[in-house]
Amino acid sequence: MTVSLCMIVKNEENVLARCLDSFKDLADEIVIVDTGSTDRTKEIAARYTDKLYDFAWIFDFAAARNFAFSKCSGDYIYSADADELIDAENAAKFKALMEVMEPEVEIVQMWYVNRHGYQTTENFEKDLRPKLFKRQRTFVWIDPIHESVRLEPVVFDSEIEIQHWPEAQHSARDFGVFLKAAAEGRALSGKLLHMYAMELFLSGTDRDFAQAVPVFQNAIYEEQRGADERMDCYCVLARAARLAKDVNAFFKWALKNISLEPCSEVCCELGQYYFDAGDYEEASVWYINALQETEPILQARAGEKIPLEMLSHCYEKMAGLYPEMAETLLQMAVEYKGRAMESKG
């Protein structure tokens, strides 16, 4: 079985060689598509392959990846990002898998591992992702009677781990893609709407939230949206309204979330609202709700690290307001601060 290492890149001079050095011995060919680099990315790529192509960036990752896949000739295509790498142990697992790969396997999932200390916006440490794809699919008939063509791909979950070590966030680029799609009148799928909301909570600026408001307001009233998608919208709109100091809109969206199914993100938003207003007791109530009574849906830190940190700040502030309870409150502040430091994220 032959493997094509396939990448789309743009301004990845800091990480590209690291990636290619780790994968080059696993690939029978390397296909790299550049979408408009202005640094040394193409120069570095040319050291590893002569299959280097240009693709004009049209704010569409799928179009770029489809073009890149069309240039591959291997039996399987490994779709890599420049900020990935594979260590020796997992490279050996990769080689062993290719030696025994059953021909009916069409997709291989691998563990995508984020490391703390790197500039990642992911909510997880490790999850399975489809990474290796059979280039040409053979359609087969199944079932001995009332036969039908198998439509679902055959997926194999491997034990291979791919390290994700980014050096910078790409949020500005991603937000541009989301906004362009919305401006063109294309309704975002539930998956993309969720990814947009998640990335906003992980790395969005005040301006990013303000620009996102029309997208999420419109999404609420689209008939195909389910409860989970509306929850995402309420979270984004509540945060945007709080940042804009629009109190009526803030409580409108926050209460819609609370009435549907409260989540940690909106509890943290309510906590921050009351903290900013100087009502530290009420703020602590909502941070406790975020920590103990609800679950996060967009930002894992909203269910643990953020409420722990803010509870520490709340009790510090309350100690200054209630001298007779200061010692106890400060002890609580220290306890929550310690737990926040031990928490992940």
C-alpha atoms as a PDB file:
ATOM      1  CA  MET A   1       0.000   0.000   0.000  1.00  0.00           C
ATOM      2  CA  THR A   2       1.397   3.393  -0.977  1.00  0.00           C
ATOM      3  CA  VAL A   3       0.787   6.601   0.947  1.00  0.00           C
ATOM      4  CA  SER A   4       0.551  10.186  -0.262  1.00  0.00           C
ATOM      5  CA  LEU A   5       1.301  12.813   2.362  1.00  0.00           C
ATOM      6  CA  CYS A   6      -1.016  15.668   1.409  1.00  0.00           C
ATOM      7  CA  MET A   7      -0.960  19.197   2.818  1.00  0.00           C
ATOM      8  CA  ILE A   8      -2.371  22.652   2.231  1.00  0.00           C
ATOM      9  CA  VAL A   9      -0.142  25.374   3.655  1.00  0.00           C
ATOM     10  CA  LYS A  10       0.212  29.102   4.012  1.00  0.00           C
ATOM     11  CA  ASN A  11       3.009  30.929   5.852  1.00  0.00           C
ATOM     12  CA  GLU A  12       4.169  27.879   7.797  1.00  0.00           C
ATOM     13  CA  GLU A  13       7.932  28.437   7.639  1.00  0.00           C
ATOM     14  CA  ASN A  14       8.312  27.977  11.406  1.00  0.00           C
ATOM     15  CA  VAL A  15       6.799  24.492  11.580  1.00  0.00           C
ATOM     16  CA  LEU A  16       6.772  22.946   8.100  1.00  0.00           C
ATOM     17  CA  ALA A  17      10.219  21.331   8.197  1.00  0.00           C
ATOM     18  CA  ARG A  18       9.487  19.855  11.625  1.00  0.00           C
ATOM     19  CA  CYS A  19       6.340  18.242  10.248  1.00  0.00           C
ATOM     20  CA  LEU A  20       7.917  16.940   7.050  1.00  0.00           C
ATOM     21  CA  ASP A  21      10.981  15.576   8.824  1.00  0.00           C
ATOM     22  CA  SER A  22       8.725  13.466  11.035  1.00  0.00           C
ATOM     23  CA  PHE A  23       6.497  12.150   8.217  1.00  0.00           C
ATOM     24  CA  LYS A  24       8.795  11.925   5.179  1.00  0.00           C
ATOM     25  CA  ASP A  25       9.815   8.294   5.719  1.00  0.00           C
ATOM     26  CA  LEU A  26       6.170   7.211   5.893  1.00  0.00           C
ATOM     27  CA  ALA A  27       5.156   8.664   2.536  1.00  0.00           C
ATOM     28  CA  ASP A  28       5.751   7.408  -0.987  1.00  0.00           C
ATOM     29  CA  GLU A  29       5.008  10.899  -2.251  1.00  0.00           C
ATOM     30  CA  ILE A  30       4.535  14.326  -0.704  1.00  0.00           C
ATOM     31  CA  VAL A  31       1.976  16.686  -2.209  1.00  0.00           C
ATOM     32  CA  ILE A  32       1.953  20.270  -0.931  1.00  0.00           C
ATOM     33  CA  VAL A  33      -0.501  22.943  -2.028  1.00  0.00           C
ATOM     34  CA  ASP A  34       0.339  26.526  -1.128  1.00  0.00           C
ATOM     35  CA  THR A  35      -2.547  28.981  -0.794  1.00  0.00           C
ATOM     36  CA  GLY A  36      -0.570  32.207  -0.894  1.00  0.00           C
ATOM     37  CA  SER A  37       2.485  32.141   1.358  1.00  0.00           C
ATOM     38  CA  THR A  38       4.572  35.292   1.641  1.00  0.00           C
ATOM     39  CA  ASP A  39       7.341  33.730   3.744  1.00  0.00           C
ATOM     40  CA  ARG A  40       9.779  30.868   3.050  1.00  0.00           C
ATOM     41  CA  THR A  41       7.129  28.127   3.124  1.00  0.00           C
ATOM     42  CA  LYS A  42       7.429  27.192  -0.560  1.00  0.00           C
ATOM     43  CA  GLU A  43      11.230  27.254  -0.398  1.00  0.00           C
ATOM     44  CA  ILE A  44      11.154  24.803   2.520  1.00  0.00           C
ATOM     45  CA  ALA A  45       8.530  22.605   0.851  1.00  0.00           C
ATOM     46  CA  ALA A  46      10.644  22.346  -2.296  1.00  0.00           C
ATOM     47  CA  ARG A  47      13.386  20.601  -0.305  1.00  0.00           C
ATOM     48  CA  TYR A  48      11.058  17.669   0.272  1.00  0.00           C
ATOM     49  CA  THR A  49       9.025  17.350  -2.917  1.00  0.00           C
ATOM     50  CA  ASP A  50       8.662  18.461  -6.510  1.00  0.00           C
ATOM     51  CA  LYS A  51       4.891  18.057  -6.240  1.00  0.00           C
ATOM     52  CA  LEU A  52       4.361  21.616  -5.079  1.00  0.00           C
ATOM     53  CA  TYR A  53       1.305  23.454  -6.373  1.00  0.00           C
ATOM     54  CA  ASP A  54      -0.328  26.866  -6.006  1.00  0.00           C
ATOM     55  CA  PHE A  55      -4.001  27.331  -5.267  1.00  0.00           C
ATOM     56  CA  ALA A  56      -5.569  30.784  -5.063  1.00  0.00           C
ATOM     57  CA  TRP A  57      -7.145  31.190  -1.635  1.00  0.00           C
ATOM     58  CA  ILE A  58     -10.920  31.585  -1.934  1.00  0.00           C
ATOM     59  CA  PHE A  59     -11.788  31.316   1.786  1.00  0.00           C
ATOM     60  CA  ASP A  60     -12.719  27.667   1.319  1.00  0.00           C
ATOM     61  CA  PHE A  61     -10.621  24.979   2.984  1.00  0.00           C
ATOM     62  CA  ALA A  62     -12.656  22.198   1.377  1.00  0.00           C
ATOM     63  CA  ALA A  63     -11.892  23.516  -2.105  1.00  0.00           C
ATOM     64  CA  ALA A  64      -8.183  23.677  -1.313  1.00  0.00           C
ATOM     65  CA  ARG A  65      -8.123  20.160   0.132  1.00  0.00           C
ATOM     66  CA  ASN A  66     -10.090  18.760  -2.815  1.00  0.00           C
ATOM     67  CA  PHE A  67      -7.528  20.284  -5.172  1.00  0.00           C
ATOM     68  CA  ALA A  68      -4.681  18.837  -3.101  1.00  0.00           C
ATOM     69  CA  PHE A  69      -6.265  15.369  -3.030  1.00  0.00           C
ATOM     70  CA  SER A  70      -6.654  15.484  -6.826  1.00  0.00           C
ATOM     71  CA  LYS A  71      -2.865  15.684  -7.146  1.00  0.00           C
ATOM     72  CA  CYS A  72      -2.242  12.519  -5.100  1.00  0.00           C
ATOM     73  CA  SER A  73      -1.568   9.098  -6.609  1.00  0.00           C
ATOM     74  CA  GLY A  74      -1.055   6.857  -3.551  1.00  0.00           C
ATOM     75  CA  ASP A  75      -3.402   4.094  -2.462  1.00  0.00           C
ATOM     76  CA  TYR A  76      -4.039   6.085   0.696  1.00  0.00           C
ATOM     77  CA  ILE A  77      -3.823   9.797   1.434  1.00  0.00           C
ATOM     78  CA  TYR A  78      -2.642  11.089   4.784  1.00  0.00           C
ATOM     79  CA  SER A  79      -4.056  14.584   5.293  1.00  0.00           C
ATOM     80  CA  ALA A  80      -1.601  16.569   7.410  1.00  0.00           C
ATOM     81  CA  ASP A  81      -1.476  20.046   8.863  1.00  0.00           C
ATOM     82  CA  ALA A  82       1.877  21.803   9.098  1.00  0.00           C
ATOM     83  CA  ASP A  83       1.746  22.020  12.897  1.00  0.00           C
ATOM     84  CA  GLU A  84       1.505  18.238  13.290  1.00  0.00           C
ATOM     85  CA  LEU A  85       4.278  15.742  13.871  1.00  0.00           C
ATOM     86  CA  ILE A  86       4.617  12.047  14.561  1.00  0.00           C
ATOM     87  CA  ASP A  87       7.176  10.568  16.938  1.00  0.00           C
ATOM     88  CA  ALA A  88       9.257   7.447  16.327  1.00  0.00           C
ATOM     89  CA  GLU A  89       6.981   5.135  18.317  1.00  0.00           C
ATOM     90  CA  ASN A  90       3.877   6.147  16.411  1.00  0.00           C
ATOM     91  CA  ALA A  91       5.688   6.219  13.080  1.00  0.00           C
ATOM     92  CA  ALA A  92       6.506   2.549  13.686  1.00  0.00           C
ATOM     93  CA  LYS A  93       2.810   1.885  14.388  1.00  0.00           C
ATOM     94  CA  PHE A  94       1.921   3.706  11.154  1.00  0.00           C
ATOM     95  CA  LYS A  95       4.319   1.548   9.120  1.00  0.00           C
ATOM     96  CA  ALA A  96       3.061  -1.634  10.762  1.00  0.00           C
ATOM     97  CA  LEU A  97      -0.538  -0.696  10.006  1.00  0.00           C
ATOM     98  CA  MET A  98       0.205  -0.116   6.328  1.00  0.00           C
ATOM     99  CA  GLU A  99       1.788  -3.563   6.081  1.00  0.00           C
ATOM    100  CA  VAL A 100      -1.381  -5.300   7.252  1.00  0.00           C
ATOM    101  CA  MET A 101      -4.043  -2.860   6.007  1.00  0.00           C
ATOM    102  CA  GLU A 102      -7.152  -4.685   4.859  1.00  0.00           C
ATOM    103  CA  PRO A 103      -8.222  -3.443   1.410  1.00  0.00           C
ATOM    104  CA  GLU A 104     -11.783  -2.730   2.527  1.00  0.00           C
ATOM    105  CA  VAL A 105     -10.640  -0.111   5.077  1.00  0.00           C
ATOM    106  CA  GLU A 106     -11.424   3.317   3.632  1.00  0.00           C
ATOM    107  CA  ILE A 107     -10.710   5.637   6.560  1.00  0.00           C
ATOM    108  CA  VAL A 108      -8.249   5.291   9.429  1.00  0.00           C
ATOM    109  CA  GLN A 109      -8.788   7.394  12.513  1.00  0.00           C
ATOM    110  CA  MET A 110      -5.833   8.410  14.647  1.00  0.00           C
ATOM    111  CA  TRP A 111      -5.528  10.070  18.036  1.00  0.00           C
ATOM    112  CA  TYR A 112      -4.998  13.829  17.736  1.00  0.00           C
ATOM    113  CA  VAL A 113      -3.041  14.930  20.795  1.00  0.00           C
ATOM    114  CA  ASN A 114      -2.754  18.507  22.002  1.00  0.00           C
ATOM    115  CA  ARG A 115       0.045  19.491  24.331  1.00  0.00           C
ATOM    116  CA  HIS A 116      -0.323  22.134  27.047  1.00  0.00           C
ATOM    117  CA  GLY A 117       2.032  25.036  26.546  1.00  0.00           C
ATOM    118  CA  TYR A 118       1.404  25.289  22.816  1.00  0.00           C
ATOM    119  CA  GLN A 119      -0.899  27.850  21.257  1.00  0.00           C
ATOM    120  CA  THR A 120      -3.886  25.618  20.706  1.00  0.00           C
ATOM    121  CA  THR A 121      -7.529  26.575  20.963  1.00  0.00           C
ATOM    122  CA  GLU A 122      -8.728  23.004  21.260  1.00  0.00           C
ATOM    123  CA  ASN A 123     -10.964  21.927  24.125  1.00  0.00           C
ATOM    124  CA  PHE A 124      -9.465  18.490  24.452  1.00  0.00           C
ATOM    125  CA  GLU A 125      -6.179  16.750  25.101  1.00  0.00           C
ATOM    126  CA  LYS A 126      -6.793  13.803  22.824  1.00  0.00           C
ATOM    127  CA  ASP A 127      -9.507  12.691  20.404  1.00  0.00           C
ATOM    128  CA  LEU A 128      -9.932  10.406  17.405  1.00  0.00           C
ATOM    129  CA  ARG A 129      -9.879  12.050  13.990  1.00  0.00           C
ATOM    130  CA  PRO A 130     -10.054  10.694  10.455  1.00  0.00           C
ATOM    131  CA  LYS A 131      -6.536  11.168   9.076  1.00  0.00           C
ATOM    132  CA  LEU A 132      -5.837   8.479   6.459  1.00  0.00           C
ATOM    133  CA  PHE A 133      -8.157   8.079   3.468  1.00  0.00           C
ATOM    134  CA  LYS A 134      -8.340   5.506   0.703  1.00  0.00           C
ATOM    135  CA  ARG A 135      -7.878   7.480  -2.510  1.00  0.00           C
ATOM    136  CA  GLN A 136     -10.208   5.433  -4.687  1.00  0.00           C
ATOM    137  CA  ARG A 137     -13.318   3.888  -3.237  1.00  0.00           C
ATOM    138  CA  THR A 138     -14.714   0.613  -4.554  1.00  0.00           C
ATOM    139  CA  PHE A 139     -18.476   0.285  -4.272  1.00  0.00           C
ATOM    140  CA  VAL A 140     -19.650  -3.181  -3.271  1.00  0.00           C
ATOM    141  CA  TRP A 141     -22.998  -4.854  -2.895  1.00  0.00           C
ATOM    142  CA  ILE A 142     -23.903  -6.219   0.534  1.00  0.00           C
ATOM    143  CA  ASP A 143     -26.598  -8.492   2.043  1.00  0.00           C
ATOM    144  CA  PRO A 144     -27.522 -11.887   0.535  1.00  0.00           C
ATOM    145  CA  ILE A 145     -31.029 -10.728  -0.309  1.00  0.00           C
ATOM    146  CA  HIS A 146     -32.556  -7.271  -0.760  1.00  0.00           C
ATOM    147  CA  GLU A 147     -28.976  -6.382  -1.549  1.00  0.00           C
ATOM    148  CA  SER A 148     -27.796  -2.801  -1.525  1.00  0.00           C
ATOM    149  CA  VAL A 149     -24.605  -0.857  -2.131  1.00  0.00           C
ATOM    150  CA  ARG A 150     -22.652  -0.152   1.034  1.00  0.00           C
ATOM    151  CA  LEU A 151     -22.754   3.609   1.452  1.00  0.00           C
ATOM    152  CA  GLU A 152     -21.087   4.027   4.816  1.00  0.00           C
ATOM    153  CA  PRO A 153     -17.265   3.958   4.687  1.00  0.00           C
ATOM    154  CA  VAL A 154     -15.328   1.260   6.506  1.00  0.00           C
ATOM    155  CA  VAL A 155     -13.551   3.073   9.335  1.00  0.00           C
ATOM    156  CA  PHE A 156     -10.702   1.686  11.436  1.00  0.00           C
ATOM    157  CA  ASP A 157      -9.813   3.281  14.773  1.00  0.00           C
ATOM    158  CA  SER A 158      -6.064   2.971  15.193  1.00  0.00           C
ATOM    159  CA  GLU A 159      -3.846   3.525  18.234  1.00  0.00           C
ATOM    160  CA  ILE A 160      -1.576   5.912  16.329  1.00  0.00           C
ATOM    161  CA  GLU A 161      -1.064   9.296  17.989  1.00  0.00           C
ATOM    162  CA  ILE A 162      -0.429  12.478  16.023  1.00  0.00           C
ATOM    163  CA  GLN A 163       1.013  15.402  17.972  1.00  0.00           C
ATOM    164  CA  HIS A 164      -0.495  18.841  17.435  1.00  0.00           C
ATOM    165  CA  TRP A 165       2.068  21.520  18.285  1.00  0.00           C
ATOM    166  CA  PRO A 166       0.939  24.877  16.834  1.00  0.00           C
ATOM    167  CA  GLU A 167       2.997  27.990  17.420  1.00  0.00           C
ATOM    168  CA  ALA A 168       0.195  30.467  16.780  1.00  0.00           C
ATOM    169  CA  GLN A 169      -3.570  30.611  16.633  1.00  0.00           C
ATOM    170  CA  HIS A 170      -5.364  30.907  13.304  1.00  0.00           C
ATOM    171  CA  SER A 171      -8.548  32.387  14.687  1.00  0.00           C
ATOM    172  CA  ALA A 172      -8.493  35.554  12.583  1.00  0.00           C
ATOM    173  CA  ARG A 173      -8.238  33.464   9.422  1.00  0.00           C
ATOM    174  CA  ASP A 174     -11.018  31.137  10.558  1.00  0.00           C
ATOM    175  CA  PHE A 175     -13.355  33.970  11.548  1.00  0.00           C
ATOM    176  CA  GLY A 176     -12.852  35.460   8.085  1.00  0.00           C
ATOM    177  CA  VAL A 177     -14.014  32.205   6.487  1.00  0.00           C
ATOM    178  CA  PHE A 178     -17.104  32.013   8.707  1.00  0.00           C
ATOM    179  CA  LEU A 179     -18.072  35.632   8.027  1.00  0.00           C
ATOM    180  CA  LYS A 180     -17.522  35.333   4.277  1.00  0.00           C
ATOM    181  CA  ALA A 181     -19.769  32.279   4.099  1.00  0.00           C
ATOM    182  CA  ALA A 182     -22.482  34.110   6.047  1.00  0.00           C
ATOM    183  CA  ALA A 183     -22.124  37.243   3.904  1.00  0.00           C
ATOM    184  CA  GLU A 184     -22.675  35.121   0.800  1.00  0.00           C
ATOM    185  CA  GLY A 185     -25.953  33.882   2.256  1.00  0.00           C
ATOM    186  CA  ARG A 186     -24.731  30.354   2.959  1.00  0.00           C
ATOM    187  CA  ALA A 187     -26.301  28.950   6.120  1.00  0.00           C
ATOM    188  CA  LEU A 188     -23.654  27.410   8.325  1.00  0.00           C
ATOM    189  CA  SER A 189     -24.169  23.738   9.062  1.00  0.00           C
ATOM    190  CA  GLY A 190     -24.746  22.747  12.664  1.00  0.00           C
ATOM    191  CA  LYS A 191     -21.144  21.534  12.818  1.00  0.00           C
ATOM    192  CA  LEU A 192     -19.720  24.812  11.485  1.00  0.00           C
ATOM    193  CA  LEU A 193     -21.996  26.915  13.687  1.00  0.00           C
ATOM    194  CA  HIS A 194     -20.737  24.978  16.706  1.00  0.00           C
ATOM    195  CA  MET A 195     -17.100  25.324  15.614  1.00  0.00           C
ATOM    196  CA  TYR A 196     -17.560  29.072  15.096  1.00  0.00           C
ATOM    197  CA  ALA A 197     -19.107  29.452  18.568  1.00  0.00           C
ATOM    198  CA  MET A 198     -16.422  27.322  20.167  1.00  0.00           C
ATOM    199  CA  GLU A 199     -13.598  29.267  18.542  1.00  0.00           C
ATOM    200  CA  LEU A 200     -15.168  32.562  19.597  1.00  0.00           C
ATOM    201  CA  PHE A 201     -15.222  31.444  23.227  1.00  0.00           C
ATOM    202  CA  LEU A 202     -11.706  30.144  23.037  1.00  0.00           C
ATOM    203  CA  SER A 203     -10.001  33.069  21.329  1.00  0.00           C
ATOM    204  CA  GLY A 204     -12.492  35.677  20.074  1.00  0.00           C
ATOM    205  CA  THR A 205     -11.952  39.386  20.714  1.00  0.00           C
ATOM    206  CA  ASP A 206     -14.713  41.867  21.521  1.00  0.00           C
ATOM    207  CA  ARG A 207     -14.737  42.799  17.824  1.00  0.00           C
ATOM    208  CA  ASP A 208     -15.021  39.158  16.752  1.00  0.00           C
ATOM    209  CA  PHE A 209     -18.075  38.703  18.976  1.00  0.00           C
ATOM    210  CA  ALA A 210     -19.671  41.904  17.664  1.00  0.00           C
ATOM    211  CA  GLN A 211     -19.173  40.786  14.064  1.00  0.00           C
ATOM    212  CA  ALA A 212     -20.661  37.383  14.851  1.00  0.00           C
ATOM    213  CA  VAL A 213     -23.951  38.727  16.253  1.00  0.00           C
ATOM    214  CA  PRO A 214     -25.906  38.830  12.936  1.00  0.00           C
ATOM    215  CA  VAL A 215     -24.766  35.308  12.055  1.00  0.00           C
ATOM    216  CA  PHE A 216     -26.001  33.796  15.312  1.00  0.00           C
ATOM    217  CA  GLN A 217     -29.157  35.897  15.493  1.00  0.00           C
ATOM    218  CA  ASN A 218     -30.155  34.720  12.026  1.00  0.00           C
ATOM    219  CA  ALA A 219     -29.300  31.114  12.865  1.00  0.00           C
ATOM    220  CA  ILE A 220     -31.740  31.048  15.792  1.00  0.00           C
ATOM    221  CA  TYR A 221     -34.679  31.587  13.478  1.00  0.00           C
ATOM    222  CA  GLU A 222     -33.681  29.103  10.787  1.00  0.00           C
ATOM    223  CA  GLU A 223     -36.170  26.229  10.828  1.00  0.00           C
ATOM    224  CA  GLN A 224     -33.605  23.445  10.661  1.00  0.00           C
ATOM    225  CA  ARG A 225     -31.859  24.492  13.876  1.00  0.00           C
ATOM    226  CA  GLY A 226     -32.217  22.159  16.832  1.00  0.00           C
ATOM    227  CA  ALA A 227     -31.944  22.848  20.547  1.00  0.00           C
ATOM    228  CA  ASP A 228     -28.183  22.279  20.661  1.00  0.00           C
ATOM    229  CA  GLU A 229     -27.569  24.832  17.916  1.00  0.00           C
ATOM    230  CA  ARG A 230     -29.810  27.385  19.605  1.00  0.00           C
ATOM    231  CA  MET A 231     -27.862  26.831  22.814  1.00  0.00           C
ATOM    232  CA  ASP A 232     -24.652  27.698  20.966  1.00  0.00           C
ATOM    233  CA  CYS A 233     -26.315  30.856  19.659  1.00  0.00           C
ATOM    234  CA  TYR A 234     -27.555  31.951  23.079  1.00  0.00           C
ATOM    235  CA  CYS A 235     -24.056  31.570  24.517  1.00  0.00           C
ATOM    236  CA  VAL A 236     -22.448  33.680  21.811  1.00  0.00           C
ATOM    237  CA  LEU A 237     -25.147  36.344  21.868  1.00  0.00           C
ATOM    238  CA  ALA A 238     -25.079  36.609  25.670  1.00  0.00           C
ATOM    239  CA  ARG A 239     -21.290  37.098  25.642  1.00  0.00           C
ATOM    240  CA  ALA A 240     -21.514  39.631  22.801  1.00  0.00           C
ATOM    241  CA  ALA A 241     -24.215  41.614  24.614  1.00  0.00           C
ATOM    242  CA  ARG A 242     -22.253  41.645  27.870  1.00  0.00           C
ATOM    243  CA  LEU A 243     -19.148  42.880  26.088  1.00  0.00           C
ATOM    244  CA  ALA A 244     -21.239  45.580  24.388  1.00  0.00           C
ATOM    245  CA  LYS A 245     -22.798  46.515  27.772  1.00  0.00           C
ATOM    246  CA  ASP A 246     -26.279  45.941  26.338  1.00  0.00           C
ATOM    247  CA  VAL A 247     -27.957  44.802  29.551  1.00  0.00           C
ATOM    248  CA  ASN A 248     -31.390  44.074  28.050  1.00  0.00           C
ATOM    249  CA  ALA A 249     -29.949  41.919  25.279  1.00  0.00           C
ATOM    250  CA  PHE A 250     -27.603  40.202  27.728  1.00  0.00           C
ATOM    251  CA  PHE A 251     -30.397  39.027  30.020  1.00  0.00           C
ATOM    252  CA  LYS A 252     -32.616  38.168  27.052  1.00  0.00           C
ATOM    253  CA  TRP A 253     -30.105  35.675  25.661  1.00  0.00           C
ATOM    254  CA  ALA A 254     -28.838  34.436  29.018  1.00  0.00           C
ATOM    255  CA  LEU A 255     -32.365  33.696  30.235  1.00  0.00           C
ATOM    256  CA  LYS A 256     -33.200  31.877  27.002  1.00  0.00           C
ATOM    257  CA  ASN A 257     -30.281  29.585  27.725  1.00  0.00           C
ATOM    258  CA  ILE A 258     -31.279  29.129  31.362  1.00  0.00           C
ATOM    259  CA  SER A 259     -34.870  28.305  30.366  1.00  0.00           C
ATOM    260  CA  LEU A 260     -33.742  25.715  27.815  1.00  0.00           C
ATOM    261  CA  GLU A 261     -30.841  23.996  29.579  1.00  0.00           C
ATOM    262  CA  PRO A 262     -28.288  26.009  31.558  1.00  0.00           C
ATOM    263  CA  CYS A 263     -24.666  25.561  30.584  1.00  0.00           C
ATOM    264  CA  SER A 264     -21.419  26.531  32.275  1.00  0.00           C
ATOM    265  CA  GLU A 265     -20.616  29.234  29.724  1.00  0.00           C
ATOM    266  CA  VAL A 266     -23.760  31.269  30.427  1.00  0.00           C
ATOM    267  CA  CYS A 267     -23.379  30.776  34.190  1.00  0.00           C
ATOM    268  CA  CYS A 268     -19.872  32.220  33.841  1.00  0.00           C
ATOM    269  CA  GLU A 269     -21.281  35.123  31.807  1.00  0.00           C
ATOM    270  CA  LEU A 270     -23.790  35.865  34.572  1.00  0.00           C
ATOM    271  CA  GLY A 271     -21.029  35.567  37.141  1.00  0.00           C
ATOM    272  CA  GLN A 272     -18.863  38.020  35.215  1.00  0.00           C
ATOM    273  CA  TYR A 273     -21.776  40.448  34.850  1.00  0.00           C
ATOM    274  CA  TYR A 274     -22.332  40.554  38.611  1.00  0.00           C
ATOM    275  CA  PHE A 275     -18.599  40.613  39.345  1.00  0.00           C
ATOM    276  CA  ASP A 276     -18.191  43.671  37.120  1.00  0.00           C
ATOM    277  CA  ALA A 277     -21.163  45.247  38.885  1.00  0.00           C
ATOM    278  CA  GLY A 278     -19.493  44.723  42.277  1.00  0.00           C
ATOM    279  CA  ASP A 279     -22.051  42.168  43.494  1.00  0.00           C
ATOM    280  CA  TYR A 280     -19.543  39.498  44.438  1.00  0.00           C
ATOM    281  CA  GLU A 281     -21.982  37.359  46.387  1.00  0.00           C
ATOM    282  CA  GLU A 282     -24.293  36.991  43.412  1.00  0.00           C
ATOM    283  CA  ALA A 283     -21.323  36.455  41.146  1.00  0.00           C
ATOM    284  CA  SER A 284     -20.135  33.589  43.346  1.00  0.00           C
ATOM    285  CA  VAL A 285     -23.551  31.928  43.101  1.00  0.00           C
ATOM    286  CA  TRP A 286     -23.301  31.763  39.317  1.00  0.00           C
ATOM    287  CA  TYR A 287     -19.700  30.601  39.325  1.00  0.00           C
ATOM    288  CA  ILE A 288     -20.666  27.791  41.706  1.00  0.00           C
ATOM    289  CA  ASN A 289     -23.440  26.879  39.272  1.00  0.00           C
ATOM    290  CA  ALA A 290     -20.890  26.829  36.453  1.00  0.00           C
ATOM    291  CA  LEU A 291     -18.617  24.598  38.505  1.00  0.00           C
ATOM    292  CA  GLN A 292     -21.064  22.214  40.160  1.00  0.00           C
ATOM    293  CA  GLU A 293     -24.493  22.310  38.522  1.00  0.00           C
ATOM    294  CA  THR A 294     -23.892  22.619  34.779  1.00  0.00           C
ATOM    295  CA  GLU A 295     -21.633  21.354  31.987  1.00  0.00           C
ATOM    296  CA  PRO A 296     -19.726  23.328  29.349  1.00  0.00           C
ATOM    297  CA  ILE A 297     -20.772  23.039  25.708  1.00  0.00           C
ATOM    298  CA  LEU A 298     -18.219  25.281  23.994  1.00  0.00           C
ATOM    299  CA  GLN A 299     -15.283  25.896  26.309  1.00  0.00           C
ATOM    300  CA  ALA A 300     -14.056  23.202  28.674  1.00  0.00           C
ATOM    301  CA  ARG A 301     -12.448  25.820  30.924  1.00  0.00           C
ATOM    302  CA  ALA A 302     -15.890  27.296  31.671  1.00  0.00           C
ATOM    303  CA  GLY A 303     -16.747  24.175  33.641  1.00  0.00           C
ATOM    304  CA  GLU A 304     -13.713  24.201  35.904  1.00  0.00           C
ATOM    305  CA  LYS A 305     -10.772  26.567  35.599  1.00  0.00           C
ATOM    306  CA  ILE A 306     -12.670  29.813  34.968  1.00  0.00           C
ATOM    307  CA  PRO A 307     -15.194  29.424  37.833  1.00  0.00           C
ATOM    308  CA  LEU A 308     -12.430  28.306  40.200  1.00  0.00           C
ATOM    309  CA  GLU A 309     -10.314  31.352  39.379  1.00  0.00           C
ATOM    310  CA  MET A 310     -13.264  33.715  39.628  1.00  0.00           C
ATOM    311  CA  LEU A 311     -14.506  32.236  42.898  1.00  0.00           C
ATOM    312  CA  SER A 312     -11.074  32.970  44.339  1.00  0.00           C
ATOM    313  CA  HIS A 313     -11.401  36.588  43.183  1.00  0.00           C
ATOM    314  CA  CYS A 314     -14.969  36.824  44.523  1.00  0.00           C
ATOM    315  CA  TYR A 315     -13.985  35.690  48.009  1.00  0.00           C
ATOM    316  CA  GLU A 316     -10.988  38.021  48.042  1.00  0.00           C
ATOM    317  CA  LYS A 317     -13.302  40.935  47.236  1.00  0.00           C
ATOM    318  CA  MET A 318     -15.870  39.811  49.812  1.00  0.00           C
ATOM    319  CA  ALA A 319     -13.137  39.622  52.482  1.00  0.00           C
ATOM    320  CA  GLY A 320     -12.601  43.341  52.042  1.00  0.00           C
ATOM    321  CA  LEU A 321     -16.315  44.025  52.424  1.00  0.00           C
ATOM    322  CA  TYR A 322     -16.917  41.833  55.483  1.00  0.00           C
ATOM    323  CA  PRO A 323     -13.989  42.250  57.930  1.00  0.00           C
ATOM    324  CA  GLU A 324     -15.635  39.997  60.516  1.00  0.00           C
ATOM    325  CA  MET A 325     -15.523  37.109  58.011  1.00  0.00           C
ATOM    326  CA  ALA A 326     -12.303  38.083  56.294  1.00  0.00           C
ATOM    327  CA  GLU A 327     -10.194  35.196  57.596  1.00  0.00           C
ATOM    328  CA  THR A 328     -12.679  32.538  56.492  1.00  0.00           C
ATOM    329  CA  LEU A 329     -13.272  34.197  53.126  1.00  0.00           C
ATOM    330  CA  LEU A 330      -9.568  34.524  52.412  1.00  0.00           C
ATOM    331  CA  GLN A 331      -9.076  30.855  53.256  1.00  0.00           C
ATOM    332  CA  MET A 332     -11.778  30.020  50.729  1.00  0.00           C
ATOM    333  CA  ALA A 333     -10.085  32.269  48.186  1.00  0.00           C
ATOM    334  CA  VAL A 334      -6.785  30.462  48.682  1.00  0.00           C
ATOM    335  CA  GLU A 335      -8.496  27.073  48.393  1.00  0.00           C
ATOM    336  CA  TYR A 336     -10.164  27.953  45.079  1.00  0.00           C
ATOM    337  CA  LYS A 337      -6.983  29.510  43.741  1.00  0.00           C
ATOM    338  CA  GLY A 338      -5.107  26.299  44.511  1.00  0.00           C
ATOM    339  CA  ARG A 339      -7.729  24.196  42.787  1.00  0.00           C
ATOM    340  CA  ALA A 340      -7.622  26.505  39.764  1.00  0.00           C
ATOM    341  CA  MET A 341      -3.868  26.078  39.512  1.00  0.00           C
ATOM    342  CA  GLU A 342      -4.242  22.303  39.607  1.00  0.00           C
ATOM    343  CA  SER A 343      -7.011  22.230  37.006  1.00  0.00           C
ATOM    344  CA  LYS A 344      -6.276  21.628  33.330  1.00  0.00           C
ATOM    345  CA  GLY A 345      -6.491  24.282  30.695  1.00  0.00           C
END
